Every structure is written in structure tokens, then in C-alpha cells.
Amino acid sequence: MHADAKLDTLGYFCPMPIILTSKKIKELAIGQVLEVTSDDEGIKKDMPAWCETTGHEMLGLEEEQSASGRIYKAYIKKTK
């Protein structure tokens, strides 16, 4: 999936990935996509909930296995 901007939140745990996402999304223009990379499994529930609350669109969530564990990539489209 194409992202206009990327945010690395590896090593951060709830609520930091959401707080950092909230700050970063403000830098984007409407319609742009933000890729958030996290190793916090909580992002699977937290990011869709945050998108629903803020009105941004959750485009998808990918999971990858790395040498250090699972990596999650959430894709959020700025809508307002």
C-alpha cells in the first residue's frame, strides 16, 4: 500500500503510538495516507478505534514477522 508519510513507533506502547499518530496526521493534507509502524499488538484495536473517533479512514493493517517479533503497519487516510 502506498503511503505519503511514515511514522515509526517501534518500541512505544499504548498510548504512545496513538498520540504520535495524532500529531503526525496534522502535518498531512486531506487525502494523504500515513503508514504507522508499531510492534505493539494493541495497535490492532487502538488504531481502528482512534480512526472511528477522529473520523479518519483506516485503510488497512498489515502484520509481518521480523527477527525481533511481530511488526504491524497501519494505513490511515486523512479525511479532515
PDB file of N, CA and C in Angstrom:
ATOM      1  N   MET A   1       0.847  -1.175   0.000  1.00  0.00           N
ATOM      2  CA  MET A   1       0.000   0.000   0.000  1.00  0.00           C
ATOM      3  C   MET A   1       0.895   1.242   0.000  1.00  0.00           C
ATOM      4  N   HIS A   2       0.517   2.228  -0.775  1.00  0.00           N
ATOM      5  CA  HIS A   2       1.298   3.463  -0.880  1.00  0.00           C
ATOM      6  C   HIS A   2       0.993   4.390   0.291  1.00  0.00           C
ATOM      7  N   ALA A   3       2.035   4.949   0.867  1.00  0.00           N
ATOM      8  CA  ALA A   3       1.873   5.917   1.957  1.00  0.00           C
ATOM      9  C   ALA A   3       2.588   7.211   1.574  1.00  0.00           C
ATOM     10  N   ASP A   4       1.964   8.333   1.872  1.00  0.00           N
ATOM     11  CA  ASP A   4       2.576   9.634   1.613  1.00  0.00           C
ATOM     12  C   ASP A   4       3.563  10.017   2.709  1.00  0.00           C
ATOM     13  N   ALA A   5       3.364   9.462   3.900  1.00  0.00           N
ATOM     14  CA  ALA A   5       4.248   9.724   5.040  1.00  0.00           C
ATOM     15  C   ALA A   5       4.315   8.482   5.903  1.00  0.00           C
ATOM     16  N   LYS A   6       5.414   8.351   6.637  1.00  0.00           N
ATOM     17  CA  LYS A   6       5.593   7.188   7.511  1.00  0.00           C
ATOM     18  C   LYS A   6       5.918   7.646   8.919  1.00  0.00           C
ATOM     19  N   LEU A   7       5.432   6.863   9.881  1.00  0.00           N
ATOM     20  CA  LEU A   7       5.675   7.137  11.293  1.00  0.00           C
ATOM     21  C   LEU A   7       6.134   5.842  11.946  1.00  0.00           C
ATOM     22  N   ASP A   8       7.331   5.875  12.514  1.00  0.00           N
ATOM     23  CA  ASP A   8       7.907   4.710  13.188  1.00  0.00           C
ATOM     24  C   ASP A   8       7.644   4.832  14.684  1.00  0.00           C
ATOM     25  N   THR A   9       6.832   3.924  15.228  1.00  0.00           N
ATOM     26  CA  THR A   9       6.562   3.929  16.675  1.00  0.00           C
ATOM     27  C   THR A   9       7.077   2.653  17.328  1.00  0.00           C
ATOM     28  N   LEU A  10       8.059   2.023  16.694  1.00  0.00           N
ATOM     29  CA  LEU A  10       8.641   0.795  17.253  1.00  0.00           C
ATOM     30  C   LEU A  10       9.219   1.084  18.632  1.00  0.00           C
ATOM     31  N   GLY A  11       8.929   0.207  19.579  1.00  0.00           N
ATOM     32  CA  GLY A  11       9.434   0.369  20.938  1.00  0.00           C
ATOM     33  C   GLY A  11       8.510   1.177  21.838  1.00  0.00           C
ATOM     34  N   TYR A  12       7.469   1.769  21.252  1.00  0.00           N
ATOM     35  CA  TYR A  12       6.491   2.532  22.043  1.00  0.00           C
ATOM     36  C   TYR A  12       5.254   1.677  22.276  1.00  0.00           C
ATOM     37  N   PHE A  13       4.663   1.827  23.427  1.00  0.00           N
ATOM     38  CA  PHE A  13       3.455   1.073  23.750  1.00  0.00           C
ATOM     39  C   PHE A  13       2.333   2.020  24.121  1.00  0.00           C
ATOM     40  N   CYS A  14       1.131   1.507  24.100  1.00  0.00           N
ATOM     41  CA  CYS A  14      -0.084   2.266  24.363  1.00  0.00           C
ATOM     42  C   CYS A  14       0.111   3.201  25.555  1.00  0.00           C
ATOM     43  N   PRO A  15      -0.243   4.467  25.389  1.00  0.00           N
ATOM     44  CA  PRO A  15      -0.962   5.089  24.279  1.00  0.00           C
ATOM     45  C   PRO A  15      -0.064   5.826  23.289  1.00  0.00           C
ATOM     46  N   MET A  16       1.257   5.688  23.388  1.00  0.00           N
ATOM     47  CA  MET A  16       2.171   6.492  22.580  1.00  0.00           C
ATOM     48  C   MET A  16       1.983   6.364  21.063  1.00  0.00           C
ATOM     49  N   PRO A  17       1.782   5.174  20.478  1.00  0.00           N
ATOM     50  CA  PRO A  17       1.576   5.135  19.027  1.00  0.00           C
ATOM     51  C   PRO A  17       0.383   5.995  18.573  1.00  0.00           C
ATOM     52  N   ILE A  18      -0.673   6.023  19.365  1.00  0.00           N
ATOM     53  CA  ILE A  18      -1.849   6.828  19.013  1.00  0.00           C
ATOM     54  C   ILE A  18      -1.550   8.312  19.189  1.00  0.00           C
ATOM     55  N   ILE A  19      -0.882   8.674  20.254  1.00  0.00           N
ATOM     56  CA  ILE A  19      -0.521  10.084  20.488  1.00  0.00           C
ATOM     57  C   ILE A  19       0.377  10.590  19.359  1.00  0.00           C
ATOM     58  N   LEU A  20       1.372   9.800  18.982  1.00  0.00           N
ATOM     59  CA  LEU A  20       2.284  10.196  17.907  1.00  0.00           C
ATOM     60  C   LEU A  20       1.564  10.261  16.563  1.00  0.00           C
ATOM     61  N   THR A  21       0.632   9.337  16.329  1.00  0.00           N
ATOM     62  CA  THR A  21      -0.165   9.356  15.103  1.00  0.00           C
ATOM     63  C   THR A  21      -1.007  10.622  15.035  1.00  0.00           C
ATOM     64  N   SER A  22      -1.618  10.987  16.150  1.00  0.00           N
ATOM     65  CA  SER A  22      -2.455  12.179  16.209  1.00  0.00           C
ATOM     66  C   SER A  22      -1.659  13.429  15.848  1.00  0.00           C
ATOM     67  N   LYS A  23      -0.426  13.512  16.306  1.00  0.00           N
ATOM     68  CA  LYS A  23       0.430  14.662  15.992  1.00  0.00           C
ATOM     69  C   LYS A  23       0.853  14.647  14.524  1.00  0.00           C
ATOM     70  N   LYS A  24       1.247  13.478  14.032  1.00  0.00           N
ATOM     71  CA  LYS A  24       1.770  13.360  12.669  1.00  0.00           C
ATOM     72  C   LYS A  24       0.699  13.604  11.621  1.00  0.00           C
ATOM     73  N   ILE A  25      -0.523  13.140  11.858  1.00  0.00           N
ATOM     74  CA  ILE A  25      -1.584  13.262  10.850  1.00  0.00           C
ATOM     75  C   ILE A  25      -1.913  14.730  10.586  1.00  0.00           C
ATOM     76  N   LYS A  26      -1.658  15.592  11.564  1.00  0.00           N
ATOM     77  CA  LYS A  26      -1.910  17.032  11.399  1.00  0.00           C
ATOM     78  C   LYS A  26      -0.993  17.651  10.356  1.00  0.00           C
ATOM     79  N   GLU A  27       0.143  17.020  10.080  1.00  0.00           N
ATOM     80  CA  GLU A  27       1.102  17.529   9.099  1.00  0.00           C
ATOM     81  C   GLU A  27       0.703  17.190   7.665  1.00  0.00           C
ATOM     82  N   LEU A  28      -0.236  16.256   7.503  1.00  0.00           N
ATOM     83  CA  LEU A  28      -0.630  15.792   6.176  1.00  0.00           C
ATOM     84  C   LEU A  28      -1.777  16.617   5.605  1.00  0.00           C
ATOM     85  N   ALA A  29      -1.894  16.581   4.293  1.00  0.00           N
ATOM     86  CA  ALA A  29      -3.020  17.211   3.611  1.00  0.00           C
ATOM     87  C   ALA A  29      -4.169  16.211   3.547  1.00  0.00           C
ATOM     88  N   ILE A  30      -5.375  16.716   3.421  1.00  0.00           N
ATOM     89  CA  ILE A  30      -6.541  15.840   3.300  1.00  0.00           C
ATOM     90  C   ILE A  30      -6.345  14.911   2.101  1.00  0.00           C
ATOM     91  N   GLY A  31      -6.607  13.623   2.306  1.00  0.00           N
ATOM     92  CA  GLY A  31      -6.462  12.631   1.252  1.00  0.00           C
ATOM     93  C   GLY A  31      -5.140  11.893   1.287  1.00  0.00           C
ATOM     94  N   GLN A  32      -4.162  12.410   2.024  1.00  0.00           N
ATOM     95  CA  GLN A  32      -2.885  11.724   2.111  1.00  0.00           C
ATOM     96  C   GLN A  32      -2.975  10.541   3.073  1.00  0.00           C
ATOM     97  N   VAL A  33      -2.063   9.581   2.878  1.00  0.00           N
ATOM     98  CA  VAL A  33      -2.067   8.350   3.665  1.00  0.00           C
ATOM     99  C   VAL A  33      -0.824   8.302   4.547  1.00  0.00           C
ATOM    100  N   LEU A  34      -1.049   7.947   5.809  1.00  0.00           N
ATOM    101  CA  LEU A  34       0.024   7.788   6.791  1.00  0.00           C
ATOM    102  C   LEU A  34       0.201   6.301   7.100  1.00  0.00           C
ATOM    103  N   GLU A  35       1.445   5.844   7.041  1.00  0.00           N
ATOM    104  CA  GLU A  35       1.779   4.479   7.441  1.00  0.00           C
ATOM    105  C   GLU A  35       2.395   4.535   8.836  1.00  0.00           C
ATOM    106  N   VAL A  36       1.792   3.845   9.783  1.00  0.00           N
ATOM    107  CA  VAL A  36       2.295   3.797  11.157  1.00  0.00           C
ATOM    108  C   VAL A  36       2.834   2.395  11.418  1.00  0.00           C
ATOM    109  N   THR A  37       4.124   2.308  11.742  1.00  0.00           N
ATOM    110  CA  THR A  37       4.765   1.026  12.043  1.00  0.00           C
ATOM    111  C   THR A  37       4.886   0.887  13.551  1.00  0.00           C
ATOM    112  N   SER A  38       4.453  -0.261  14.072  1.00  0.00           N
ATOM    113  CA  SER A  38       4.456  -0.486  15.512  1.00  0.00           C
ATOM    114  C   SER A  38       4.757  -1.945  15.826  1.00  0.00           C
ATOM    115  N   ASP A  39       5.314  -2.180  17.015  1.00  0.00           N
ATOM    116  CA  ASP A  39       5.469  -3.552  17.486  1.00  0.00           C
ATOM    117  C   ASP A  39       4.565  -3.815  18.691  1.00  0.00           C
ATOM    118  N   ASP A  40       3.639  -2.889  18.923  1.00  0.00           N
ATOM    119  CA  ASP A  40       2.654  -3.022  19.999  1.00  0.00           C
ATOM    120  C   ASP A  40       1.389  -3.657  19.428  1.00  0.00           C
ATOM    121  N   GLU A  41       1.078  -4.882  19.869  1.00  0.00           N
ATOM    122  CA  GLU A  41      -0.091  -5.590  19.352  1.00  0.00           C
ATOM    123  C   GLU A  41      -1.385  -4.821  19.596  1.00  0.00           C
ATOM    124  N   GLY A  42      -1.390  -3.947  20.592  1.00  0.00           N
ATOM    125  CA  GLY A  42      -2.569  -3.145  20.897  1.00  0.00           C
ATOM    126  C   GLY A  42      -3.016  -2.260  19.748  1.00  0.00           C
ATOM    127  N   ILE A  43      -2.116  -2.001  18.803  1.00  0.00           N
ATOM    128  CA  ILE A  43      -2.462  -1.140  17.669  1.00  0.00           C
ATOM    129  C   ILE A  43      -3.590  -1.746  16.838  1.00  0.00           C
ATOM    130  N   LYS A  44      -3.732  -3.078  16.890  1.00  0.00           N
ATOM    131  CA  LYS A  44      -4.782  -3.734  16.107  1.00  0.00           C
ATOM    132  C   LYS A  44      -6.178  -3.292  16.539  1.00  0.00           C
ATOM    133  N   LYS A  45      -6.338  -2.969  17.814  1.00  0.00           N
ATOM    134  CA  LYS A  45      -7.628  -2.477  18.319  1.00  0.00           C
ATOM    135  C   LYS A  45      -7.630  -0.962  18.450  1.00  0.00           C
ATOM    136  N   ASP A  46      -6.498  -0.414  18.893  1.00  0.00           N
ATOM    137  CA  ASP A  46      -6.431   1.017  19.182  1.00  0.00           C
ATOM    138  C   ASP A  46      -6.558   1.895  17.939  1.00  0.00           C
ATOM    139  N   MET A  47      -5.889   1.508  16.846  1.00  0.00           N
ATOM    140  CA  MET A  47      -5.902   2.368  15.654  1.00  0.00           C
ATOM    141  C   MET A  47      -7.283   2.440  15.011  1.00  0.00           C
ATOM    142  N   PRO A  48      -7.996   1.308  14.811  1.00  0.00           N
ATOM    143  CA  PRO A  48      -9.356   1.428  14.267  1.00  0.00           C
ATOM    144  C   PRO A  48     -10.268   2.255  15.177  1.00  0.00           C
ATOM    145  N   ALA A  49     -10.117   2.113  16.484  1.00  0.00           N
ATOM    146  CA  ALA A  49     -10.941   2.883  17.424  1.00  0.00           C
ATOM    147  C   ALA A  49     -10.619   4.371  17.313  1.00  0.00           C
ATOM    148  N   TRP A  50      -9.334   4.700  17.193  1.00  0.00           N
ATOM    149  CA  TRP A  50      -8.925   6.103  17.063  1.00  0.00           C
ATOM    150  C   TRP A  50      -9.473   6.688  15.764  1.00  0.00           C
ATOM    151  N   CYS A  51      -9.398   5.925  14.682  1.00  0.00           N
ATOM    152  CA  CYS A  51      -9.919   6.399  13.393  1.00  0.00           C
ATOM    153  C   CYS A  51     -11.420   6.650  13.469  1.00  0.00           C
ATOM    154  N   GLU A  52     -12.129   5.757  14.125  1.00  0.00           N
ATOM    155  CA  GLU A  52     -13.576   5.934  14.263  1.00  0.00           C
ATOM    156  C   GLU A  52     -13.894   7.193  15.075  1.00  0.00           C
ATOM    157  N   THR A  53     -13.121   7.426  16.116  1.00  0.00           N
ATOM    158  CA  THR A  53     -13.336   8.586  16.984  1.00  0.00           C
ATOM    159  C   THR A  53     -13.001   9.894  16.278  1.00  0.00           C
ATOM    160  N   THR A  54     -11.920   9.892  15.486  1.00  0.00           N
ATOM    161  CA  THR A  54     -11.452  11.141  14.864  1.00  0.00           C
ATOM    162  C   THR A  54     -12.011  11.376  13.474  1.00  0.00           C
ATOM    163  N   GLY A  55     -12.582  10.343  12.863  1.00  0.00           N
ATOM    164  CA  GLY A  55     -13.154  10.498  11.538  1.00  0.00           C
ATOM    165  C   GLY A  55     -12.189  10.210  10.398  1.00  0.00           C
ATOM    166  N   HIS A  56     -10.953   9.820  10.709  1.00  0.00           N
ATOM    167  CA  HIS A  56     -10.019   9.452   9.652  1.00  0.00           C
ATOM    168  C   HIS A  56     -10.326   8.025   9.204  1.00  0.00           C
ATOM    169  N   GLU A  57      -9.875   7.678   8.000  1.00  0.00           N
ATOM    170  CA  GLU A  57     -10.222   6.377   7.429  1.00  0.00           C
ATOM    171  C   GLU A  57      -9.092   5.371   7.603  1.00  0.00           C
ATOM    172  N   MET A  58      -9.407   4.245   8.226  1.00  0.00           N
ATOM    173  CA  MET A  58      -8.452   3.151   8.384  1.00  0.00           C
ATOM    174  C   MET A  58      -8.484   2.340   7.096  1.00  0.00           C
ATOM    175  N   LEU A  59      -7.389   2.352   6.352  1.00  0.00           N
ATOM    176  CA  LEU A  59      -7.339   1.659   5.066  1.00  0.00           C
ATOM    177  C   LEU A  59      -6.928   0.200   5.196  1.00  0.00           C
ATOM    178  N   GLY A  60      -6.195  -0.112   6.248  1.00  0.00           N
ATOM    179  CA  GLY A  60      -5.775  -1.492   6.413  1.00  0.00           C
ATOM    180  C   GLY A  60      -4.698  -1.637   7.467  1.00  0.00           C
ATOM    181  N   LEU A  61      -4.441  -2.893   7.815  1.00  0.00           N
ATOM    182  CA  LEU A  61      -3.416  -3.220   8.791  1.00  0.00           C
ATOM    183  C   LEU A  61      -2.688  -4.467   8.296  1.00  0.00           C
ATOM    184  N   GLU A  62      -1.375  -4.368   8.202  1.00  0.00           N
ATOM    185  CA  GLU A  62      -0.563  -5.498   7.775  1.00  0.00           C
ATOM    186  C   GLU A  62       0.259  -5.989   8.953  1.00  0.00           C
ATOM    187  N   GLU A  63       0.473  -7.296   9.008  1.00  0.00           N
ATOM    188  CA  GLU A  63       1.321  -7.896  10.042  1.00  0.00           C
ATOM    189  C   GLU A  63       2.489  -8.587   9.362  1.00  0.00           C
ATOM    190  N   GLU A  64       3.682  -8.397   9.917  1.00  0.00           N
ATOM    191  CA  GLU A  64       4.876  -9.047   9.399  1.00  0.00           C
ATOM    192  C   GLU A  64       5.627  -9.680  10.563  1.00  0.00           C
ATOM    193  N   GLN A  65       6.349 -10.724  10.271  1.00  0.00           N
ATOM    194  CA  GLN A  65       7.205 -11.345  11.287  1.00  0.00           C
ATOM    195  C   GLN A  65       8.626 -10.866  11.028  1.00  0.00           C
ATOM    196  N   SER A  66       9.271 -10.325  12.045  1.00  0.00           N
ATOM    197  CA  SER A  66      10.664  -9.900  11.925  1.00  0.00           C
ATOM    198  C   SER A  66      11.499 -10.719  12.902  1.00  0.00           C
ATOM    199  N   ALA A  67      12.782 -10.522  12.860  1.00  0.00           N
ATOM    200  CA  ALA A  67      13.687 -11.246  13.750  1.00  0.00           C
ATOM    201  C   ALA A  67      13.397 -10.922  15.216  1.00  0.00           C
ATOM    202  N   SER A  68      12.892  -9.715  15.458  1.00  0.00           N
ATOM    203  CA  SER A  68      12.629  -9.293  16.844  1.00  0.00           C
ATOM    204  C   SER A  68      11.174  -9.484  17.278  1.00  0.00           C
ATOM    205  N   GLY A  69      10.332  -9.985  16.385  1.00  0.00           N
ATOM    206  CA  GLY A  69       8.930 -10.194  16.736  1.00  0.00           C
ATOM    207  C   GLY A  69       7.993  -9.705  15.650  1.00  0.00           C
ATOM    208  N   ARG A  70       6.733  -9.518  16.012  1.00  0.00           N
ATOM    209  CA  ARG A  70       5.738  -9.068  15.047  1.00  0.00           C
ATOM    210  C   ARG A  70       5.786  -7.563  14.867  1.00  0.00           C
ATOM    211  N   ILE A  71       5.620  -7.154  13.612  1.00  0.00           N
ATOM    212  CA  ILE A  71       5.571  -5.748  13.246  1.00  0.00           C
ATOM    213  C   ILE A  71       4.210  -5.493  12.600  1.00  0.00           C
ATOM    214  N   TYR A  72       3.576  -4.413  12.984  1.00  0.00           N
ATOM    215  CA  TYR A  72       2.266  -4.035  12.460  1.00  0.00           C
ATOM    216  C   TYR A  72       2.398  -2.728  11.690  1.00  0.00           C
ATOM    217  N   LYS A  73       1.739  -2.672  10.534  1.00  0.00           N
ATOM    218  CA  LYS A  73       1.723  -1.443   9.737  1.00  0.00           C
ATOM    219  C   LYS A  73       0.271  -1.061   9.515  1.00  0.00           C
ATOM    220  N   ALA A  74      -0.094   0.081  10.064  1.00  0.00           N
ATOM    221  CA  ALA A  74      -1.458   0.589   9.903  1.00  0.00           C
ATOM    222  C   ALA A  74      -1.431   1.710   8.872  1.00  0.00           C
ATOM    223  N   TYR A  75      -2.454   1.754   8.033  1.00  0.00           N
ATOM    224  CA  TYR A  75      -2.560   2.779   6.996  1.00  0.00           C
ATOM    225  C   TYR A  75      -3.805   3.614   7.263  1.00  0.00           C
ATOM    226  N   ILE A  76      -3.584   4.917   7.435  1.00  0.00           N
ATOM    227  CA  ILE A  76      -4.666   5.835   7.777  1.00  0.00           C
ATOM    228  C   ILE A  76      -4.734   6.948   6.743  1.00  0.00           C
ATOM    229  N   LYS A  77      -5.926   7.183   6.224  1.00  0.00           N
ATOM    230  CA  LYS A  77      -6.135   8.271   5.261  1.00  0.00           C
ATOM    231  C   LYS A  77      -6.719   9.466   6.011  1.00  0.00           C
ATOM    232  N   LYS A  78      -6.073  10.611   5.854  1.00  0.00           N
ATOM    233  CA  LYS A  78      -6.563  11.830   6.489  1.00  0.00           C
ATOM    234  C   LYS A  78      -7.814  12.291   5.753  1.00  0.00           C
ATOM    235  N   THR A  79      -8.892  12.497   6.484  1.00  0.00           N
ATOM    236  CA  THR A  79     -10.166  12.863   5.848  1.00  0.00           C
ATOM    237  C   THR A  79     -10.635  14.265   6.187  1.00  0.00           C
ATOM    238  N   LYS A  80     -10.006  14.900   7.188  1.00  0.00           N
ATOM    239  CA  LYS A  80     -10.447  16.257   7.523  1.00  0.00           C
ATOM    240  C   LYS A  80      -9.309  17.069   8.088  1.00  0.00           C
TER     241      LYS A  80
END
